[in-house]
Amino acid sequence: MRSSGSHRLFRFLSSVAFVLPLVAGFSQCRPPIRGEFGFSPVDRRDSDALEKTLLTETEFRLGRENLYFYDHETIWWIYRMEEGPYSQGDFLVSLYENNLTPEPVEVDMRHVDVMKQGSIGIIQQRYEPLRPGDYILKIAQHARVVDEARFRVLPGEPEVEDEDSVSDESDDLRKYARRADS
């Protein structure tokens, strides 16, 4: 009797030992998430509050190299996924400021939804104007980082004054041009 029970236990453990690596192999064979970032900086300083909340950006420049924005721009971004297993509620996005500290400091974290457009999944978000500095945007699926993009926010350019608002006395070109006409 004892040998029959130990034989069944041995067969069970052997089958588990055979099946377990197969299951682990299948889970690792899933293709990784592959995607592309797209960005669109928008200056909405002249927009009223209602426009700022209702309008969404629809055109994005794909890429992740040499990204920089100004501190007065709303940064709209997308992550376009063409491959990999994903479903609704899988993703977490974190924004880190990478300035003056040994490690990046998290400034924003949010759960995001994936919009489906055929076989393509898209995450679309925005960051309201950020202060100048270096940033890292990370996308994680089930607490594992799948992609990231780095960008820099620069101090805004001074607003260019309207031609009519510049006084003739402070504009040397206009002052001397008027004297030549007289």
C-alpha atoms as a PDB file:
ATOM      1  CA  MET A   1       0.000   0.000   0.000  1.00  0.00           C
ATOM      2  CA  ARG A   2       2.694   2.371   0.917  1.00  0.00           C
ATOM      3  CA  SER A   3       4.452   1.945  -2.385  1.00  0.00           C
ATOM      4  CA  SER A   4       1.239   2.560  -4.345  1.00  0.00           C
ATOM      5  CA  GLY A   5       0.623   5.879  -2.532  1.00  0.00           C
ATOM      6  CA  SER A   6       4.204   6.987  -2.888  1.00  0.00           C
ATOM      7  CA  HIS A   7       4.110   5.963  -6.543  1.00  0.00           C
ATOM      8  CA  ARG A   8       1.007   8.162  -7.134  1.00  0.00           C
ATOM      9  CA  LEU A   9       2.658  11.030  -5.278  1.00  0.00           C
ATOM     10  CA  PHE A  10       5.779  10.599  -7.383  1.00  0.00           C
ATOM     11  CA  ARG A  11       3.705  10.639 -10.624  1.00  0.00           C
ATOM     12  CA  PHE A  12       1.832  13.736  -9.444  1.00  0.00           C
ATOM     13  CA  LEU A  13       5.022  15.596  -8.563  1.00  0.00           C
ATOM     14  CA  SER A  14       6.600  14.521 -11.854  1.00  0.00           C
ATOM     15  CA  SER A  15       3.659  15.872 -13.821  1.00  0.00           C
ATOM     16  CA  VAL A  16       3.752  19.145 -11.847  1.00  0.00           C
ATOM     17  CA  ALA A  17       7.482  19.377 -12.463  1.00  0.00           C
ATOM     18  CA  PHE A  18       6.811  18.872 -16.184  1.00  0.00           C
ATOM     19  CA  VAL A  19       3.829  21.267 -16.485  1.00  0.00           C
ATOM     20  CA  LEU A  20       5.183  24.113 -14.339  1.00  0.00           C
ATOM     21  CA  PRO A  21       8.068  25.025 -16.683  1.00  0.00           C
ATOM     22  CA  LEU A  22       5.648  24.929 -19.639  1.00  0.00           C
ATOM     23  CA  VAL A  23       3.271  27.379 -17.945  1.00  0.00           C
ATOM     24  CA  ALA A  24       6.159  29.647 -16.965  1.00  0.00           C
ATOM     25  CA  GLY A  25       7.516  29.431 -20.518  1.00  0.00           C
ATOM     26  CA  PHE A  26       4.161  30.398 -22.039  1.00  0.00           C
ATOM     27  CA  SER A  27       3.842  33.421 -19.781  1.00  0.00           C
ATOM     28  CA  GLN A  28       7.336  34.560 -20.773  1.00  0.00           C
ATOM     29  CA  CYS A  29       6.700  33.925 -24.478  1.00  0.00           C
ATOM     30  CA  ARG A  30       4.092  36.665 -24.621  1.00  0.00           C
ATOM     31  CA  PRO A  31       5.434  39.472 -26.759  1.00  0.00           C
ATOM     32  CA  PRO A  32       6.450  42.546 -24.772  1.00  0.00           C
ATOM     33  CA  ILE A  33       4.522  45.780 -25.027  1.00  0.00           C
ATOM     34  CA  ARG A  34       5.915  47.819 -27.898  1.00  0.00           C
ATOM     35  CA  GLY A  35       4.871  51.350 -28.479  1.00  0.00           C
ATOM     36  CA  GLU A  36       5.732  54.816 -29.602  1.00  0.00           C
ATOM     37  CA  PHE A  37       5.404  58.131 -27.809  1.00  0.00           C
ATOM     38  CA  GLY A  38       3.889  61.180 -29.458  1.00  0.00           C
ATOM     39  CA  PHE A  39       3.890  64.720 -28.079  1.00  0.00           C
ATOM     40  CA  SER A  40       2.077  67.965 -28.809  1.00  0.00           C
ATOM     41  CA  PRO A  41       2.863  71.115 -26.813  1.00  0.00           C
ATOM     42  CA  VAL A  42       0.030  73.654 -26.746  1.00  0.00           C
ATOM     43  CA  ASP A  43       0.138  77.254 -25.553  1.00  0.00           C
ATOM     44  CA  ARG A  44      -3.267  77.877 -24.004  1.00  0.00           C
ATOM     45  CA  ARG A  45      -2.491  81.052 -22.097  1.00  0.00           C
ATOM     46  CA  ASP A  46      -5.114  82.946 -24.088  1.00  0.00           C
ATOM     47  CA  SER A  47      -7.793  80.244 -23.667  1.00  0.00           C
ATOM     48  CA  ASP A  48     -10.545  80.607 -21.104  1.00  0.00           C
ATOM     49  CA  ALA A  49     -11.136  77.948 -18.441  1.00  0.00           C
ATOM     50  CA  LEU A  50     -13.936  76.211 -20.382  1.00  0.00           C
ATOM     51  CA  GLU A  51     -11.801  75.907 -23.523  1.00  0.00           C
ATOM     52  CA  LYS A  52      -8.921  74.486 -21.504  1.00  0.00           C
ATOM     53  CA  THR A  53     -11.090  71.692 -20.100  1.00  0.00           C
ATOM     54  CA  LEU A  54     -13.056  70.814 -23.255  1.00  0.00           C
ATOM     55  CA  LEU A  55     -10.432  70.901 -25.994  1.00  0.00           C
ATOM     56  CA  THR A  56      -8.254  67.876 -26.632  1.00  0.00           C
ATOM     57  CA  GLU A  57      -5.271  67.618 -28.898  1.00  0.00           C
ATOM     58  CA  THR A  58      -5.530  65.399 -31.986  1.00  0.00           C
ATOM     59  CA  GLU A  59      -2.187  65.833 -33.777  1.00  0.00           C
ATOM     60  CA  PHE A  60       1.022  64.461 -32.284  1.00  0.00           C
ATOM     61  CA  ARG A  61       4.615  64.243 -33.427  1.00  0.00           C
ATOM     62  CA  LEU A  62       5.893  60.725 -32.826  1.00  0.00           C
ATOM     63  CA  GLY A  63       9.322  60.333 -31.259  1.00  0.00           C
ATOM     64  CA  ARG A  64      11.259  60.477 -28.047  1.00  0.00           C
ATOM     65  CA  GLU A  65      14.606  62.050 -28.936  1.00  0.00           C
ATOM     66  CA  ASN A  66      15.624  65.625 -28.046  1.00  0.00           C
ATOM     67  CA  LEU A  67      12.272  66.524 -26.511  1.00  0.00           C
ATOM     68  CA  TYR A  68      11.880  69.938 -24.971  1.00  0.00           C
ATOM     69  CA  PHE A  69       8.911  72.113 -24.099  1.00  0.00           C
ATOM     70  CA  TYR A  70       8.386  75.542 -22.528  1.00  0.00           C
ATOM     71  CA  ASP A  71       7.057  76.119 -19.035  1.00  0.00           C
ATOM     72  CA  HIS A  72       3.929  77.863 -20.344  1.00  0.00           C
ATOM     73  CA  GLU A  73       2.847  74.955 -22.576  1.00  0.00           C
ATOM     74  CA  THR A  74       0.389  72.190 -21.796  1.00  0.00           C
ATOM     75  CA  ILE A  75       2.121  68.968 -22.822  1.00  0.00           C
ATOM     76  CA  TRP A  76      -0.273  66.545 -24.507  1.00  0.00           C
ATOM     77  CA  TRP A  77       1.117  63.079 -25.119  1.00  0.00           C
ATOM     78  CA  ILE A  78       0.081  59.692 -26.402  1.00  0.00           C
ATOM     79  CA  TYR A  79       1.528  56.233 -26.181  1.00  0.00           C
ATOM     80  CA  ARG A  80       0.594  54.159 -29.228  1.00  0.00           C
ATOM     81  CA  MET A  81       0.840  50.383 -28.660  1.00  0.00           C
ATOM     82  CA  GLU A  82       1.000  48.103 -31.639  1.00  0.00           C
ATOM     83  CA  GLU A  83       2.121  44.866 -29.976  1.00  0.00           C
ATOM     84  CA  GLY A  84       1.844  43.060 -26.721  1.00  0.00           C
ATOM     85  CA  PRO A  85      -0.867  41.817 -24.428  1.00  0.00           C
ATOM     86  CA  TYR A  86      -2.780  44.523 -22.646  1.00  0.00           C
ATOM     87  CA  SER A  87      -6.244  45.228 -21.380  1.00  0.00           C
ATOM     88  CA  GLN A  88      -8.161  48.026 -19.719  1.00  0.00           C
ATOM     89  CA  GLY A  89      -6.835  49.026 -16.305  1.00  0.00           C
ATOM     90  CA  ASP A  90      -3.398  47.480 -16.781  1.00  0.00           C
ATOM     91  CA  PHE A  91      -1.386  50.692 -16.939  1.00  0.00           C
ATOM     92  CA  LEU A  92       0.048  53.177 -14.507  1.00  0.00           C
ATOM     93  CA  VAL A  93       1.891  56.326 -15.624  1.00  0.00           C
ATOM     94  CA  SER A  94       4.410  58.175 -13.474  1.00  0.00           C
ATOM     95  CA  LEU A  95       6.106  61.495 -14.094  1.00  0.00           C
ATOM     96  CA  TYR A  96       9.439  62.087 -12.367  1.00  0.00           C
ATOM     97  CA  GLU A  97      11.394  65.301 -12.009  1.00  0.00           C
ATOM     98  CA  ASN A  98      15.100  64.562 -12.456  1.00  0.00           C
ATOM     99  CA  ASN A  99      16.774  67.642 -10.955  1.00  0.00           C
ATOM    100  CA  LEU A 100      19.213  68.296  -8.124  1.00  0.00           C
ATOM    101  CA  THR A 101      18.573  64.984  -6.348  1.00  0.00           C
ATOM    102  CA  PRO A 102      20.467  61.705  -6.558  1.00  0.00           C
ATOM    103  CA  GLU A 103      17.274  59.903  -7.624  1.00  0.00           C
ATOM    104  CA  PRO A 104      14.332  61.198  -9.687  1.00  0.00           C
ATOM    105  CA  VAL A 105      11.406  62.517  -7.616  1.00  0.00           C
ATOM    106  CA  GLU A 106       7.886  61.423  -8.517  1.00  0.00           C
ATOM    107  CA  VAL A 107       5.607  64.407  -9.181  1.00  0.00           C
ATOM    108  CA  ASP A 108       2.560  62.651 -10.637  1.00  0.00           C
ATOM    109  CA  MET A 109       1.147  59.126 -10.817  1.00  0.00           C
ATOM    110  CA  ARG A 110      -2.102  58.020 -12.396  1.00  0.00           C
ATOM    111  CA  HIS A 111      -3.942  54.955 -13.609  1.00  0.00           C
ATOM    112  CA  VAL A 112      -4.764  55.356 -17.292  1.00  0.00           C
ATOM    113  CA  ASP A 113      -7.212  53.785 -19.688  1.00  0.00           C
ATOM    114  CA  VAL A 114      -6.346  52.370 -23.080  1.00  0.00           C
ATOM    115  CA  MET A 115      -8.457  53.511 -26.023  1.00  0.00           C
ATOM    116  CA  LYS A 116      -8.750  50.916 -28.783  1.00  0.00           C
ATOM    117  CA  GLN A 117      -8.554  51.909 -32.447  1.00  0.00           C
ATOM    118  CA  GLY A 118      -8.688  48.638 -34.323  1.00  0.00           C
ATOM    119  CA  SER A 119      -5.705  46.563 -33.229  1.00  0.00           C
ATOM    120  CA  ILE A 120      -3.896  49.609 -31.800  1.00  0.00           C
ATOM    121  CA  GLY A 121      -4.167  50.710 -28.187  1.00  0.00           C
ATOM    122  CA  ILE A 122      -3.639  54.354 -27.289  1.00  0.00           C
ATOM    123  CA  ILE A 123      -3.022  56.054 -23.971  1.00  0.00           C
ATOM    124  CA  GLN A 124      -3.635  59.810 -24.163  1.00  0.00           C
ATOM    125  CA  GLN A 125      -2.880  62.221 -21.325  1.00  0.00           C
ATOM    126  CA  ARG A 126      -1.683  65.757 -20.667  1.00  0.00           C
ATOM    127  CA  TYR A 127       0.381  67.659 -18.167  1.00  0.00           C
ATOM    128  CA  GLU A 128      -0.477  71.236 -17.404  1.00  0.00           C
ATOM    129  CA  PRO A 129       2.501  73.604 -17.616  1.00  0.00           C
ATOM    130  CA  LEU A 130       5.443  72.220 -15.648  1.00  0.00           C
ATOM    131  CA  ARG A 131       8.246  74.170 -14.046  1.00  0.00           C
ATOM    132  CA  PRO A 132      11.612  74.181 -15.860  1.00  0.00           C
ATOM    133  CA  GLY A 133      13.756  71.082 -15.455  1.00  0.00           C
ATOM    134  CA  ASP A 134      14.365  67.528 -16.651  1.00  0.00           C
ATOM    135  CA  TYR A 135      11.575  64.950 -16.534  1.00  0.00           C
ATOM    136  CA  ILE A 136      11.098  61.217 -17.063  1.00  0.00           C
ATOM    137  CA  LEU A 137       7.724  59.829 -18.119  1.00  0.00           C
ATOM    138  CA  LYS A 138       7.363  56.106 -17.313  1.00  0.00           C
ATOM    139  CA  ILE A 139       4.618  53.694 -18.323  1.00  0.00           C
ATOM    140  CA  ALA A 140       4.190  50.558 -16.222  1.00  0.00           C
ATOM    141  CA  GLN A 141       2.030  47.489 -16.704  1.00  0.00           C
ATOM    142  CA  HIS A 142       1.320  45.507 -13.535  1.00  0.00           C
ATOM    143  CA  ALA A 143       4.056  47.448 -11.674  1.00  0.00           C
ATOM    144  CA  ARG A 144       6.702  46.635 -14.326  1.00  0.00           C
ATOM    145  CA  VAL A 145       8.058  49.558 -16.385  1.00  0.00           C
ATOM    146  CA  VAL A 146       7.498  48.851 -20.088  1.00  0.00           C
ATOM    147  CA  ASP A 147       8.676  52.148 -21.594  1.00  0.00           C
ATOM    148  CA  GLU A 148       9.830  55.666 -20.813  1.00  0.00           C
ATOM    149  CA  ALA A 149      10.568  59.011 -22.429  1.00  0.00           C
ATOM    150  CA  ARG A 150      12.769  61.836 -21.166  1.00  0.00           C
ATOM    151  CA  PHE A 151      12.165  65.511 -21.838  1.00  0.00           C
ATOM    152  CA  ARG A 152      13.214  68.953 -20.694  1.00  0.00           C
ATOM    153  CA  VAL A 153      11.031  71.924 -19.804  1.00  0.00           C
ATOM    154  CA  LEU A 154      12.686  75.266 -20.546  1.00  0.00           C
ATOM    155  CA  PRO A 155      11.857  78.678 -19.111  1.00  0.00           C
ATOM    156  CA  GLY A 156       9.294  80.375 -21.321  1.00  0.00           C
ATOM    157  CA  GLU A 157      10.225  82.875 -23.914  1.00  0.00           C
ATOM    158  CA  PRO A 158       9.122  86.410 -23.059  1.00  0.00           C
ATOM    159  CA  GLU A 159       5.902  87.366 -24.757  1.00  0.00           C
ATOM    160  CA  VAL A 160       6.509  89.391 -27.892  1.00  0.00           C
ATOM    161  CA  GLU A 161       4.859  92.769 -27.619  1.00  0.00           C
ATOM    162  CA  ASP A 162       2.376  93.761 -30.257  1.00  0.00           C
ATOM    163  CA  GLU A 163       3.778  96.274 -32.793  1.00  0.00           C
ATOM    164  CA  ASP A 164       1.176  98.867 -31.879  1.00  0.00           C
ATOM    165  CA  SER A 165       1.948  98.620 -28.156  1.00  0.00           C
ATOM    166  CA  VAL A 166       5.616  99.520 -28.610  1.00  0.00           C
ATOM    167  CA  SER A 167       6.032 103.237 -28.088  1.00  0.00           C
ATOM    168  CA  ASP A 168       7.730 105.149 -30.846  1.00  0.00           C
ATOM    169  CA  GLU A 169      10.133 106.727 -28.350  1.00  0.00           C
ATOM    170  CA  SER A 170      11.504 103.360 -27.182  1.00  0.00           C
ATOM    171  CA  ASP A 171      11.909 101.977 -30.706  1.00  0.00           C
ATOM    172  CA  ASP A 172      15.059 103.575 -32.170  1.00  0.00           C
ATOM    173  CA  LEU A 173      14.265 102.380 -35.682  1.00  0.00           C
ATOM    174  CA  ARG A 174      10.879 104.126 -35.675  1.00  0.00           C
ATOM    175  CA  LYS A 175      12.276 107.235 -33.977  1.00  0.00           C
ATOM    176  CA  TYR A 176      15.056 107.726 -36.541  1.00  0.00           C
ATOM    177  CA  ALA A 177      12.824 106.741 -39.469  1.00  0.00           C
ATOM    178  CA  ARG A 178      10.344 109.459 -38.483  1.00  0.00           C
ATOM    179  CA  ARG A 179      13.120 112.074 -38.281  1.00  0.00           C
ATOM    180  CA  ALA A 180      14.242 111.175 -41.812  1.00  0.00           C
ATOM    181  CA  ASP A 181      10.690 111.741 -43.106  1.00  0.00           C
ATOM    182  CA  SER A 182      10.449 115.221 -41.538  1.00  0.00           C
END
